[in-house]
Amino acid sequence: MQKQFQNRAEAGRQLAAKLTEYKDRRDVVILALPRGGVPVGFEVAKALNAPLDVFIVRKLGVPGQEELAFGAIASGGTSVFNEALVQALRLPPALLERVVEKERKELERREKLYHPGKVARDLNGKIVIIVDDGLATGATMRAAVTAIRTLKPLQIVVAVPVSSSDTCRDLKTKTDALCVCVITPEPFYGVGMWYRDFEQTTDEEVCRLLGQTTGLTRKAA
């Protein structure tokens, strides 16, 4: 199987080539989903000459099958649940609440770490490009789109290097967001299968990349 991307930075450069119509526009904002989306988003923001920030979303994994998401929560208190999956697995409310509380604490930790004393960005009337390193189930991205839509952007563009074609199509249908992907391989296998280097992105790397944009791309819009 051909590995499409050397790493997230190279994937970001390939993704930016699909987004050239947004270059040098003052109404464009790049929001990366940490942690893996930040190295991708950094390259996109640099290529498009657009401001970069992070938008924090936490996947809600089924206990014992954490990669299987029954929903997600996002900055601003937004939550999205896969009700069909919750009912099919007969997940009790108390168990769901424990998972939500655990992920809410991690979301708050990351908010403090990545946004110390930062004023919330004004997205009203902006073109918001949400970047991640790939889409599998799409639960995390749907939560991000739902939360960001409440901030009244002009347009939302979901941009990822790799996605399942079904997920990309489903995202367009359910969120009315434009979805831009470099590749939509079938069979999909999983996001990490399309990277030669898919090491976990650290908090330190996220802070370093955001720090490199200080004074240029992290100014409040």
N, C-alpha and C. Protein backbone atom coordinates (compact mmCIF):
# COMPACT_ATOMS: atom_id res chain seq x y z
N MET A 1 0.85 -1.20 0.00
CA MET A 1 0.00 0.00 0.00
C MET A 1 0.88 1.25 0.00
N GLN A 2 0.58 2.18 -0.89
CA GLN A 2 1.36 3.41 -1.02
C GLN A 2 1.06 4.37 0.14
N LYS A 3 2.12 4.80 0.84
CA LYS A 3 1.96 5.81 1.87
C LYS A 3 1.97 7.17 1.18
N GLN A 4 0.90 7.93 1.33
CA GLN A 4 0.76 9.16 0.59
C GLN A 4 1.60 10.31 1.16
N PHE A 5 1.71 10.39 2.48
CA PHE A 5 2.34 11.54 3.12
C PHE A 5 3.54 11.11 3.95
N GLN A 6 4.62 11.89 3.87
CA GLN A 6 5.79 11.61 4.71
C GLN A 6 5.45 11.87 6.18
N ASN A 7 4.82 12.98 6.46
CA ASN A 7 4.44 13.36 7.82
C ASN A 7 3.33 14.41 7.74
N ARG A 8 2.91 14.94 8.90
CA ARG A 8 1.81 15.91 8.90
C ARG A 8 2.19 17.22 8.22
N ALA A 9 3.44 17.62 8.34
CA ALA A 9 3.86 18.87 7.71
C ALA A 9 3.75 18.77 6.19
N GLU A 10 4.22 17.66 5.62
CA GLU A 10 4.12 17.48 4.18
C GLU A 10 2.66 17.38 3.75
N ALA A 11 1.85 16.70 4.58
CA ALA A 11 0.42 16.61 4.28
C ALA A 11 -0.22 17.99 4.27
N GLY A 12 0.21 18.86 5.19
CA GLY A 12 -0.32 20.22 5.23
C GLY A 12 0.03 21.01 3.98
N ARG A 13 1.23 20.80 3.47
CA ARG A 13 1.63 21.50 2.24
C ARG A 13 0.80 21.03 1.05
N GLN A 14 0.55 19.72 0.98
CA GLN A 14 -0.29 19.20 -0.11
C GLN A 14 -1.73 19.71 0.02
N LEU A 15 -2.21 19.78 1.26
CA LEU A 15 -3.57 20.28 1.49
C LEU A 15 -3.68 21.76 1.11
N ALA A 16 -2.66 22.54 1.45
CA ALA A 16 -2.68 23.97 1.12
C ALA A 16 -2.80 24.20 -0.38
N ALA A 17 -2.23 23.30 -1.17
CA ALA A 17 -2.30 23.42 -2.63
C ALA A 17 -3.73 23.28 -3.14
N LYS A 18 -4.61 22.67 -2.32
CA LYS A 18 -6.02 22.52 -2.69
C LYS A 18 -6.86 23.73 -2.25
N LEU A 19 -6.22 24.66 -1.55
CA LEU A 19 -6.96 25.77 -0.93
C LEU A 19 -6.47 27.13 -1.41
N THR A 20 -5.83 27.18 -2.56
CA THR A 20 -5.20 28.43 -3.01
C THR A 20 -6.19 29.57 -3.23
N GLU A 21 -7.47 29.25 -3.45
CA GLU A 21 -8.46 30.33 -3.65
C GLU A 21 -8.64 31.18 -2.39
N TYR A 22 -8.17 30.67 -1.24
CA TYR A 22 -8.32 31.41 0.02
C TYR A 22 -7.05 32.17 0.40
N LYS A 23 -6.02 32.15 -0.43
CA LYS A 23 -4.75 32.79 -0.12
C LYS A 23 -4.90 34.31 -0.08
N ASP A 24 -4.25 34.91 0.95
CA ASP A 24 -4.16 36.37 1.11
C ASP A 24 -5.51 37.05 1.32
N ARG A 25 -6.52 36.31 1.76
CA ARG A 25 -7.80 36.92 2.06
C ARG A 25 -7.86 37.31 3.53
N ARG A 26 -8.30 38.52 3.80
CA ARG A 26 -8.34 39.02 5.18
C ARG A 26 -9.48 38.41 6.00
N ASP A 27 -10.44 37.76 5.32
CA ASP A 27 -11.58 37.20 6.04
C ASP A 27 -11.44 35.70 6.29
N VAL A 28 -10.24 35.14 6.09
CA VAL A 28 -10.00 33.71 6.28
C VAL A 28 -9.29 33.46 7.61
N VAL A 29 -9.76 32.47 8.36
CA VAL A 29 -9.14 32.05 9.61
C VAL A 29 -8.95 30.53 9.55
N ILE A 30 -7.76 30.06 9.94
CA ILE A 30 -7.49 28.63 10.02
C ILE A 30 -7.63 28.18 11.47
N LEU A 31 -8.50 27.20 11.72
CA LEU A 31 -8.64 26.61 13.05
C LEU A 31 -8.22 25.14 12.97
N ALA A 32 -7.15 24.80 13.68
CA ALA A 32 -6.65 23.42 13.67
C ALA A 32 -7.18 22.68 14.89
N LEU A 33 -7.50 21.40 14.70
CA LEU A 33 -7.95 20.57 15.81
C LEU A 33 -6.74 19.90 16.44
N PRO A 34 -6.43 20.23 17.71
CA PRO A 34 -5.27 19.61 18.36
C PRO A 34 -5.59 18.19 18.80
N ARG A 35 -4.53 17.36 18.81
CA ARG A 35 -3.20 17.86 18.57
C ARG A 35 -2.72 17.62 17.14
N GLY A 36 -3.15 16.53 16.52
CA GLY A 36 -2.63 16.15 15.22
C GLY A 36 -2.90 17.13 14.10
N GLY A 37 -3.97 17.91 14.23
CA GLY A 37 -4.29 18.87 13.17
C GLY A 37 -3.41 20.10 13.16
N VAL A 38 -2.68 20.35 14.26
CA VAL A 38 -1.91 21.59 14.35
C VAL A 38 -0.72 21.64 13.39
N PRO A 39 0.11 20.58 13.28
CA PRO A 39 1.18 20.64 12.29
C PRO A 39 0.66 20.78 10.86
N VAL A 40 -0.49 20.18 10.57
CA VAL A 40 -1.11 20.32 9.25
C VAL A 40 -1.59 21.76 9.07
N GLY A 41 -2.32 22.27 10.07
CA GLY A 41 -2.85 23.62 10.00
C GLY A 41 -1.79 24.69 9.93
N PHE A 42 -0.65 24.45 10.58
CA PHE A 42 0.46 25.41 10.55
C PHE A 42 0.93 25.62 9.11
N GLU A 43 1.09 24.51 8.36
CA GLU A 43 1.55 24.61 6.98
C GLU A 43 0.49 25.27 6.10
N VAL A 44 -0.77 24.98 6.35
CA VAL A 44 -1.85 25.59 5.58
C VAL A 44 -1.89 27.10 5.83
N ALA A 45 -1.81 27.49 7.10
CA ALA A 45 -1.84 28.92 7.45
C ALA A 45 -0.67 29.66 6.83
N LYS A 46 0.50 29.04 6.87
CA LYS A 46 1.70 29.67 6.31
C LYS A 46 1.55 29.86 4.80
N ALA A 47 1.05 28.83 4.12
CA ALA A 47 0.91 28.91 2.66
C ALA A 47 -0.17 29.91 2.23
N LEU A 48 -1.23 30.01 3.02
CA LEU A 48 -2.35 30.88 2.65
C LEU A 48 -2.20 32.30 3.21
N ASN A 49 -1.16 32.50 4.03
CA ASN A 49 -0.97 33.80 4.70
C ASN A 49 -2.22 34.17 5.50
N ALA A 50 -2.65 33.20 6.32
CA ALA A 50 -3.88 33.36 7.10
C ALA A 50 -3.58 33.12 8.58
N PRO A 51 -4.37 33.70 9.48
CA PRO A 51 -4.16 33.48 10.91
C PRO A 51 -4.49 32.05 11.32
N LEU A 52 -3.71 31.54 12.26
CA LEU A 52 -3.88 30.17 12.78
C LEU A 52 -4.27 30.20 14.24
N ASP A 53 -5.23 29.38 14.61
CA ASP A 53 -5.57 29.18 16.01
C ASP A 53 -5.98 27.72 16.16
N VAL A 54 -6.27 27.32 17.40
CA VAL A 54 -6.75 25.96 17.64
C VAL A 54 -8.20 26.01 18.10
N PHE A 55 -8.92 24.95 17.80
CA PHE A 55 -10.27 24.77 18.31
C PHE A 55 -10.31 23.37 18.91
N ILE A 56 -10.64 23.29 20.19
CA ILE A 56 -10.45 22.04 20.92
C ILE A 56 -11.72 21.21 20.94
N VAL A 57 -11.57 19.97 20.49
CA VAL A 57 -12.66 19.00 20.46
C VAL A 57 -12.15 17.70 21.05
N ARG A 58 -12.99 17.02 21.83
CA ARG A 58 -12.61 15.74 22.44
C ARG A 58 -13.60 14.66 22.02
N LYS A 59 -13.06 13.60 21.45
CA LYS A 59 -13.88 12.45 21.07
C LYS A 59 -14.33 11.71 22.32
N LEU A 60 -15.57 11.23 22.31
CA LEU A 60 -16.11 10.44 23.41
C LEU A 60 -16.09 8.97 22.99
N GLY A 61 -15.13 8.23 23.52
CA GLY A 61 -14.95 6.84 23.13
C GLY A 61 -15.72 5.87 24.01
N VAL A 62 -16.23 4.82 23.42
CA VAL A 62 -16.92 3.76 24.17
C VAL A 62 -15.90 3.07 25.09
N PRO A 63 -16.15 2.99 26.38
CA PRO A 63 -15.22 2.33 27.30
C PRO A 63 -14.86 0.92 26.84
N GLY A 64 -13.55 0.66 26.77
CA GLY A 64 -13.09 -0.63 26.29
C GLY A 64 -12.92 -0.68 24.79
N GLN A 65 -13.53 0.28 24.08
CA GLN A 65 -13.39 0.39 22.63
C GLN A 65 -13.23 1.87 22.28
N GLU A 66 -12.19 2.49 22.87
CA GLU A 66 -12.06 3.94 22.84
C GLU A 66 -12.01 4.53 21.43
N GLU A 67 -11.56 3.74 20.45
CA GLU A 67 -11.50 4.25 19.09
C GLU A 67 -12.90 4.37 18.46
N LEU A 68 -13.88 3.71 19.08
CA LEU A 68 -15.26 3.79 18.62
C LEU A 68 -15.94 4.95 19.33
N ALA A 69 -16.23 6.01 18.60
CA ALA A 69 -16.77 7.23 19.20
C ALA A 69 -18.29 7.21 19.24
N PHE A 70 -18.85 7.48 20.43
CA PHE A 70 -20.30 7.66 20.53
C PHE A 70 -20.68 9.12 20.50
N GLY A 71 -19.69 10.00 20.35
CA GLY A 71 -19.94 11.43 20.27
C GLY A 71 -18.68 12.23 20.48
N ALA A 72 -18.85 13.53 20.68
CA ALA A 72 -17.71 14.42 20.90
C ALA A 72 -18.20 15.68 21.59
N ILE A 73 -17.29 16.35 22.30
CA ILE A 73 -17.59 17.65 22.91
C ILE A 73 -16.56 18.66 22.39
N ALA A 74 -16.96 19.94 22.38
CA ALA A 74 -16.10 20.98 21.81
C ALA A 74 -16.08 22.21 22.69
N SER A 75 -15.11 23.07 22.43
CA SER A 75 -15.03 24.37 23.11
C SER A 75 -16.37 25.08 23.00
N GLY A 76 -16.75 25.75 24.09
CA GLY A 76 -18.02 26.47 24.10
C GLY A 76 -19.18 25.65 24.61
N GLY A 77 -18.92 24.38 25.01
CA GLY A 77 -19.96 23.55 25.61
C GLY A 77 -20.79 22.76 24.63
N THR A 78 -20.41 22.73 23.35
CA THR A 78 -21.17 21.98 22.36
C THR A 78 -20.89 20.48 22.49
N SER A 79 -21.92 19.68 22.33
CA SER A 79 -21.76 18.22 22.34
C SER A 79 -22.56 17.61 21.20
N VAL A 80 -22.03 16.54 20.63
CA VAL A 80 -22.69 15.80 19.55
C VAL A 80 -22.66 14.34 19.92
N PHE A 81 -23.82 13.66 19.86
CA PHE A 81 -23.91 12.25 20.22
C PHE A 81 -24.45 11.43 19.05
N ASN A 82 -23.92 10.24 18.91
CA ASN A 82 -24.44 9.27 17.95
C ASN A 82 -25.49 8.45 18.69
N GLU A 83 -26.73 8.94 18.64
CA GLU A 83 -27.80 8.32 19.42
C GLU A 83 -28.05 6.87 19.00
N ALA A 84 -27.90 6.60 17.70
CA ALA A 84 -28.14 5.23 17.21
C ALA A 84 -27.13 4.26 17.83
N LEU A 85 -25.86 4.70 17.92
CA LEU A 85 -24.83 3.84 18.51
C LEU A 85 -25.05 3.66 20.00
N VAL A 86 -25.41 4.75 20.68
CA VAL A 86 -25.67 4.67 22.13
C VAL A 86 -26.78 3.66 22.41
N GLN A 87 -27.84 3.71 21.61
CA GLN A 87 -28.96 2.79 21.80
C GLN A 87 -28.59 1.36 21.42
N ALA A 88 -27.83 1.22 20.33
CA ALA A 88 -27.46 -0.12 19.87
C ALA A 88 -26.58 -0.84 20.88
N LEU A 89 -25.69 -0.08 21.55
CA LEU A 89 -24.79 -0.68 22.53
C LEU A 89 -25.38 -0.67 23.94
N ARG A 90 -26.56 -0.04 24.08
CA ARG A 90 -27.24 0.04 25.37
C ARG A 90 -26.31 0.62 26.45
N LEU A 91 -25.70 1.73 26.10
CA LEU A 91 -24.78 2.39 27.02
C LEU A 91 -25.57 3.13 28.09
N PRO A 92 -25.36 2.81 29.38
CA PRO A 92 -26.12 3.47 30.45
C PRO A 92 -25.73 4.93 30.61
N PRO A 93 -26.69 5.79 30.97
CA PRO A 93 -26.42 7.23 31.12
C PRO A 93 -25.28 7.52 32.09
N ALA A 94 -25.18 6.76 33.19
CA ALA A 94 -24.12 7.03 34.17
C ALA A 94 -22.75 6.81 33.55
N LEU A 95 -22.62 5.80 32.72
CA LEU A 95 -21.34 5.53 32.06
C LEU A 95 -21.01 6.64 31.07
N LEU A 96 -22.00 7.08 30.32
CA LEU A 96 -21.78 8.16 29.36
C LEU A 96 -21.32 9.43 30.06
N GLU A 97 -21.94 9.72 31.20
CA GLU A 97 -21.59 10.93 31.94
C GLU A 97 -20.16 10.88 32.45
N ARG A 98 -19.70 9.68 32.87
CA ARG A 98 -18.32 9.56 33.34
C ARG A 98 -17.34 9.85 32.21
N VAL A 99 -17.63 9.35 31.02
CA VAL A 99 -16.76 9.60 29.88
C VAL A 99 -16.76 11.09 29.53
N VAL A 100 -17.96 11.70 29.50
CA VAL A 100 -18.07 13.12 29.18
C VAL A 100 -17.30 13.96 30.18
N GLU A 101 -17.41 13.65 31.47
CA GLU A 101 -16.73 14.43 32.50
C GLU A 101 -15.21 14.31 32.36
N LYS A 102 -14.73 13.10 32.10
CA LYS A 102 -13.29 12.89 31.91
C LYS A 102 -12.77 13.72 30.74
N GLU A 103 -13.48 13.69 29.62
CA GLU A 103 -13.03 14.42 28.43
C GLU A 103 -13.20 15.92 28.60
N ARG A 104 -14.20 16.34 29.37
CA ARG A 104 -14.38 17.77 29.63
C ARG A 104 -13.19 18.33 30.41
N LYS A 105 -12.69 17.55 31.37
CA LYS A 105 -11.53 17.99 32.15
C LYS A 105 -10.30 18.14 31.25
N GLU A 106 -10.12 17.19 30.31
CA GLU A 106 -8.99 17.27 29.39
C GLU A 106 -9.15 18.45 28.44
N LEU A 107 -10.38 18.71 28.01
CA LEU A 107 -10.64 19.87 27.15
C LEU A 107 -10.27 21.16 27.86
N GLU A 108 -10.68 21.27 29.12
CA GLU A 108 -10.37 22.47 29.91
C GLU A 108 -8.88 22.62 30.14
N ARG A 109 -8.18 21.49 30.35
CA ARG A 109 -6.72 21.54 30.52
C ARG A 109 -6.05 22.10 29.28
N ARG A 110 -6.49 21.62 28.12
CA ARG A 110 -5.89 22.08 26.87
C ARG A 110 -6.24 23.55 26.59
N GLU A 111 -7.45 23.96 26.93
CA GLU A 111 -7.83 25.37 26.76
C GLU A 111 -6.86 26.27 27.52
N LYS A 112 -6.57 25.90 28.76
CA LYS A 112 -5.67 26.71 29.59
C LYS A 112 -4.24 26.68 29.05
N LEU A 113 -3.81 25.51 28.54
CA LEU A 113 -2.45 25.36 28.06
C LEU A 113 -2.23 26.09 26.74
N TYR A 114 -3.16 25.95 25.81
CA TYR A 114 -2.99 26.52 24.47
C TYR A 114 -3.46 27.96 24.37
N HIS A 115 -4.38 28.37 25.28
CA HIS A 115 -4.97 29.70 25.21
C HIS A 115 -4.81 30.45 26.53
N PRO A 116 -3.63 30.56 27.09
CA PRO A 116 -3.49 31.25 28.38
C PRO A 116 -3.83 32.74 28.27
N GLY A 117 -4.92 33.12 28.90
CA GLY A 117 -5.31 34.53 28.93
C GLY A 117 -5.72 35.09 27.58
N LYS A 118 -6.06 34.25 26.63
CA LYS A 118 -6.35 34.70 25.28
C LYS A 118 -7.82 35.07 25.11
N VAL A 119 -8.07 36.17 24.43
CA VAL A 119 -9.44 36.59 24.14
C VAL A 119 -9.98 35.72 23.01
N ALA A 120 -11.23 35.29 23.14
CA ALA A 120 -11.84 34.44 22.12
C ALA A 120 -11.86 35.15 20.77
N ARG A 121 -11.55 34.41 19.73
CA ARG A 121 -11.51 34.98 18.38
C ARG A 121 -12.93 35.23 17.86
N ASP A 122 -13.11 36.36 17.19
CA ASP A 122 -14.39 36.71 16.59
C ASP A 122 -14.46 36.07 15.21
N LEU A 123 -15.38 35.13 15.01
CA LEU A 123 -15.51 34.43 13.73
C LEU A 123 -16.70 34.92 12.92
N ASN A 124 -17.40 35.91 13.43
CA ASN A 124 -18.58 36.43 12.74
C ASN A 124 -18.20 36.96 11.35
N GLY A 125 -18.83 36.40 10.31
CA GLY A 125 -18.58 36.86 8.96
C GLY A 125 -17.28 36.36 8.34
N LYS A 126 -16.58 35.45 9.00
CA LYS A 126 -15.32 34.94 8.50
C LYS A 126 -15.50 33.64 7.72
N ILE A 127 -14.55 33.35 6.86
CA ILE A 127 -14.44 32.03 6.25
C ILE A 127 -13.52 31.22 7.15
N VAL A 128 -14.07 30.20 7.79
CA VAL A 128 -13.32 29.39 8.76
C VAL A 128 -12.94 28.07 8.11
N ILE A 129 -11.62 27.81 8.04
CA ILE A 129 -11.12 26.55 7.51
C ILE A 129 -10.68 25.69 8.69
N ILE A 130 -11.42 24.61 8.94
CA ILE A 130 -11.12 23.71 10.06
C ILE A 130 -10.22 22.59 9.54
N VAL A 131 -9.04 22.45 10.15
CA VAL A 131 -8.04 21.51 9.66
C VAL A 131 -7.78 20.41 10.68
N ASP A 132 -7.73 19.16 10.22
CA ASP A 132 -7.28 18.04 11.04
C ASP A 132 -6.36 17.18 10.18
N ASP A 133 -5.74 16.16 10.78
CA ASP A 133 -4.82 15.32 10.00
C ASP A 133 -5.54 14.22 9.23
N GLY A 134 -6.86 14.10 9.43
CA GLY A 134 -7.64 13.12 8.69
C GLY A 134 -9.00 12.93 9.32
N LEU A 135 -9.89 12.29 8.56
CA LEU A 135 -11.24 11.99 9.05
C LEU A 135 -11.48 10.49 8.99
N ALA A 136 -11.87 9.93 10.13
CA ALA A 136 -12.26 8.51 10.16
C ALA A 136 -13.78 8.45 10.29
N THR A 137 -14.30 8.48 11.53
CA THR A 137 -15.75 8.48 11.72
C THR A 137 -16.37 9.85 11.47
N GLY A 138 -15.59 10.91 11.69
CA GLY A 138 -16.09 12.26 11.49
C GLY A 138 -16.79 12.85 12.70
N ALA A 139 -16.89 12.10 13.82
CA ALA A 139 -17.61 12.58 15.00
C ALA A 139 -16.96 13.84 15.58
N THR A 140 -15.63 13.84 15.65
CA THR A 140 -14.92 15.00 16.20
C THR A 140 -15.14 16.23 15.33
N MET A 141 -15.03 16.05 14.03
CA MET A 141 -15.18 17.19 13.12
C MET A 141 -16.62 17.71 13.14
N ARG A 142 -17.61 16.81 13.22
CA ARG A 142 -19.00 17.28 13.28
C ARG A 142 -19.23 18.15 14.51
N ALA A 143 -18.63 17.76 15.64
CA ALA A 143 -18.78 18.57 16.85
C ALA A 143 -18.14 19.94 16.65
N ALA A 144 -16.99 19.97 16.00
CA ALA A 144 -16.31 21.25 15.75
C ALA A 144 -17.16 22.14 14.85
N VAL A 145 -17.69 21.58 13.77
CA VAL A 145 -18.51 22.36 12.84
C VAL A 145 -19.76 22.89 13.55
N THR A 146 -20.40 22.04 14.35
CA THR A 146 -21.61 22.45 15.07
C THR A 146 -21.32 23.60 16.01
N ALA A 147 -20.21 23.51 16.74
CA ALA A 147 -19.84 24.57 17.69
C ALA A 147 -19.48 25.86 16.98
N ILE A 148 -18.70 25.75 15.92
CA ILE A 148 -18.24 26.95 15.21
C ILE A 148 -19.39 27.64 14.50
N ARG A 149 -20.37 26.87 14.03
CA ARG A 149 -21.51 27.49 13.34
C ARG A 149 -22.28 28.46 14.24
N THR A 150 -22.27 28.21 15.55
CA THR A 150 -22.96 29.12 16.48
C THR A 150 -22.28 30.48 16.56
N LEU A 151 -21.04 30.58 16.07
CA LEU A 151 -20.28 31.83 16.10
C LEU A 151 -20.48 32.66 14.82
N LYS A 152 -21.42 32.21 13.98
CA LYS A 152 -21.89 32.95 12.80
C LYS A 152 -20.80 33.25 11.76
N PRO A 153 -20.03 32.23 11.36
CA PRO A 153 -19.07 32.46 10.27
C PRO A 153 -19.81 32.60 8.94
N LEU A 154 -19.16 33.21 7.97
CA LEU A 154 -19.73 33.32 6.63
C LEU A 154 -19.76 31.95 5.95
N GLN A 155 -18.68 31.18 6.11
CA GLN A 155 -18.58 29.87 5.49
C GLN A 155 -17.67 28.99 6.33
N ILE A 156 -17.95 27.68 6.37
CA ILE A 156 -17.09 26.72 7.03
C ILE A 156 -16.55 25.75 5.98
N VAL A 157 -15.23 25.60 5.98
CA VAL A 157 -14.57 24.66 5.08
C VAL A 157 -13.83 23.63 5.95
N VAL A 158 -14.16 22.36 5.79
CA VAL A 158 -13.43 21.28 6.46
C VAL A 158 -12.32 20.85 5.51
N ALA A 159 -11.07 20.87 5.99
CA ALA A 159 -9.93 20.56 5.12
C ALA A 159 -9.03 19.53 5.80
N VAL A 160 -8.85 18.40 5.16
CA VAL A 160 -8.02 17.32 5.71
C VAL A 160 -7.21 16.67 4.59
N PRO A 161 -6.04 16.12 4.92
CA PRO A 161 -5.26 15.42 3.90
C PRO A 161 -5.92 14.13 3.43
N VAL A 162 -6.56 13.40 4.34
CA VAL A 162 -7.11 12.09 3.99
C VAL A 162 -8.42 11.85 4.72
N SER A 163 -9.36 11.21 4.03
CA SER A 163 -10.66 10.92 4.63
C SER A 163 -11.28 9.73 3.92
N SER A 164 -12.09 9.00 4.65
CA SER A 164 -12.99 8.04 4.02
C SER A 164 -13.96 8.82 3.14
N SER A 165 -14.21 8.33 1.94
CA SER A 165 -15.14 9.04 1.04
C SER A 165 -16.54 9.11 1.64
N ASP A 166 -16.96 8.06 2.35
CA ASP A 166 -18.27 8.06 2.99
C ASP A 166 -18.36 9.14 4.05
N THR A 167 -17.30 9.28 4.85
CA THR A 167 -17.30 10.29 5.92
C THR A 167 -17.34 11.69 5.35
N CYS A 168 -16.56 11.93 4.31
CA CYS A 168 -16.54 13.25 3.68
C CYS A 168 -17.91 13.59 3.12
N ARG A 169 -18.53 12.65 2.47
CA ARG A 169 -19.87 12.86 1.89
C ARG A 169 -20.91 13.07 2.99
N ASP A 170 -20.81 12.28 4.05
CA ASP A 170 -21.74 12.37 5.18
C ASP A 170 -21.60 13.72 5.88
N LEU A 171 -20.37 14.20 5.99
CA LEU A 171 -20.11 15.49 6.64
C LEU A 171 -20.75 16.62 5.85
N LYS A 172 -20.61 16.59 4.54
CA LYS A 172 -21.23 17.62 3.70
C LYS A 172 -22.74 17.62 3.88
N THR A 173 -23.33 16.42 3.91
CA THR A 173 -24.78 16.29 3.99
C THR A 173 -25.32 16.78 5.33
N LYS A 174 -24.65 16.39 6.42
CA LYS A 174 -25.18 16.67 7.75
C LYS A 174 -24.80 18.04 8.31
N THR A 175 -23.72 18.64 7.81
CA THR A 175 -23.27 19.92 8.39
C THR A 175 -23.33 21.07 7.40
N ASP A 176 -23.56 20.78 6.11
CA ASP A 176 -23.58 21.82 5.08
C ASP A 176 -22.25 22.56 4.98
N ALA A 177 -21.15 21.87 5.35
CA ALA A 177 -19.82 22.46 5.24
C ALA A 177 -19.15 21.94 3.97
N LEU A 178 -18.35 22.78 3.34
CA LEU A 178 -17.55 22.35 2.21
C LEU A 178 -16.44 21.44 2.73
N CYS A 179 -16.19 20.32 2.09
CA CYS A 179 -15.19 19.36 2.54
C CYS A 179 -14.10 19.22 1.47
N VAL A 180 -12.86 19.56 1.83
CA VAL A 180 -11.73 19.49 0.91
C VAL A 180 -10.76 18.43 1.42
N CYS A 181 -10.47 17.42 0.58
CA CYS A 181 -9.55 16.34 0.94
C CYS A 181 -8.52 16.17 -0.17
N VAL A 182 -7.29 15.85 0.22
CA VAL A 182 -6.26 15.54 -0.77
C VAL A 182 -6.54 14.17 -1.38
N ILE A 183 -6.81 13.18 -0.53
CA ILE A 183 -7.13 11.84 -1.01
C ILE A 183 -8.31 11.26 -0.23
N THR A 184 -9.10 10.45 -0.91
CA THR A 184 -10.19 9.70 -0.26
C THR A 184 -10.05 8.24 -0.70
N PRO A 185 -9.06 7.53 -0.16
CA PRO A 185 -8.75 6.17 -0.62
C PRO A 185 -9.83 5.16 -0.24
N GLU A 186 -10.02 4.19 -1.09
CA GLU A 186 -10.91 3.06 -0.81
C GLU A 186 -10.18 1.77 -1.16
N PRO A 187 -10.05 0.81 -0.27
CA PRO A 187 -10.52 0.88 1.11
C PRO A 187 -9.70 1.87 1.93
N PHE A 188 -10.32 2.40 2.98
CA PHE A 188 -9.74 3.50 3.75
C PHE A 188 -8.69 3.03 4.77
N TYR A 189 -8.96 1.98 5.51
CA TYR A 189 -8.09 1.40 6.54
C TYR A 189 -7.98 2.26 7.81
N GLY A 190 -7.75 3.55 7.70
CA GLY A 190 -7.56 4.41 8.87
C GLY A 190 -6.62 5.55 8.52
N VAL A 191 -6.72 6.66 9.26
CA VAL A 191 -5.93 7.86 8.94
C VAL A 191 -4.43 7.56 8.96
N GLY A 192 -3.96 6.91 10.02
CA GLY A 192 -2.53 6.68 10.19
C GLY A 192 -1.90 5.83 9.11
N MET A 193 -2.69 5.03 8.42
CA MET A 193 -2.16 4.15 7.38
C MET A 193 -1.62 4.92 6.18
N TRP A 194 -1.97 6.19 6.06
CA TRP A 194 -1.57 6.97 4.89
C TRP A 194 -0.42 7.91 5.17
N TYR A 195 0.19 7.76 6.35
CA TYR A 195 1.37 8.55 6.73
C TYR A 195 2.55 7.61 7.01
N ARG A 196 3.74 7.98 6.52
CA ARG A 196 4.93 7.22 6.89
C ARG A 196 5.28 7.49 8.36
N ASP A 197 5.17 8.74 8.78
CA ASP A 197 5.43 9.13 10.17
C ASP A 197 4.13 9.65 10.76
N PHE A 198 3.53 8.87 11.68
CA PHE A 198 2.28 9.27 12.30
C PHE A 198 2.43 9.25 13.82
N GLU A 199 3.62 9.68 14.28
CA GLU A 199 3.85 9.77 15.72
C GLU A 199 2.88 10.77 16.35
N GLN A 200 2.49 10.49 17.60
CA GLN A 200 1.55 11.38 18.27
C GLN A 200 2.14 12.77 18.43
N THR A 201 1.36 13.79 18.12
CA THR A 201 1.76 15.18 18.32
C THR A 201 1.68 15.51 19.81
N THR A 202 2.70 16.15 20.35
CA THR A 202 2.75 16.46 21.78
C THR A 202 2.20 17.86 22.07
N ASP A 203 1.87 18.10 23.34
CA ASP A 203 1.48 19.44 23.76
C ASP A 203 2.59 20.44 23.48
N GLU A 204 3.83 20.00 23.68
CA GLU A 204 4.98 20.88 23.47
C GLU A 204 5.06 21.33 22.01
N GLU A 205 4.81 20.39 21.09
CA GLU A 205 4.85 20.75 19.67
C GLU A 205 3.72 21.71 19.31
N VAL A 206 2.53 21.47 19.87
CA VAL A 206 1.41 22.37 19.62
C VAL A 206 1.76 23.79 20.08
N CYS A 207 2.28 23.90 21.30
CA CYS A 207 2.63 25.22 21.84
C CYS A 207 3.75 25.88 21.03
N ARG A 208 4.71 25.06 20.57
CA ARG A 208 5.82 25.60 19.78
C ARG A 208 5.31 26.17 18.46
N LEU A 209 4.44 25.44 17.77
CA LEU A 209 3.91 25.90 16.50
C LEU A 209 3.03 27.13 16.67
N LEU A 210 2.21 27.15 17.71
CA LEU A 210 1.39 28.33 17.97
C LEU A 210 2.27 29.52 18.33
N GLY A 211 3.36 29.23 19.06
CA GLY A 211 4.28 30.30 19.43
C GLY A 211 4.95 30.92 18.22
N GLN A 212 5.19 30.14 17.18
CA GLN A 212 5.82 30.66 15.96
C GLN A 212 4.90 31.59 15.20
N THR A 213 3.60 31.52 15.50
CA THR A 213 2.65 32.39 14.81
C THR A 213 2.33 33.64 15.63
N THR A 214 2.87 33.76 16.83
CA THR A 214 2.58 34.91 17.70
C THR A 214 2.94 36.21 17.01
N GLY A 215 2.03 37.16 17.09
CA GLY A 215 2.27 38.46 16.50
C GLY A 215 1.93 38.54 15.03
N LEU A 216 1.73 37.37 14.40
CA LEU A 216 1.36 37.35 13.00
C LEU A 216 0.00 36.70 12.80
N THR A 217 -0.13 35.45 13.29
CA THR A 217 -1.36 34.73 13.01
C THR A 217 -2.22 34.46 14.22
N ARG A 218 -1.82 34.88 15.41
CA ARG A 218 -2.66 34.64 16.57
C ARG A 218 -3.35 35.89 17.08
N LYS A 219 -3.24 36.98 16.34
CA LYS A 219 -3.95 38.19 16.73
C LYS A 219 -5.45 37.96 16.65
N ALA A 220 -6.18 38.54 17.58
CA ALA A 220 -7.64 38.42 17.52
C ALA A 220 -8.14 39.06 16.25
N ALA A 221 -9.05 38.36 15.59
CA ALA A 221 -9.57 38.88 14.32
C ALA A 221 -10.45 40.09 14.55
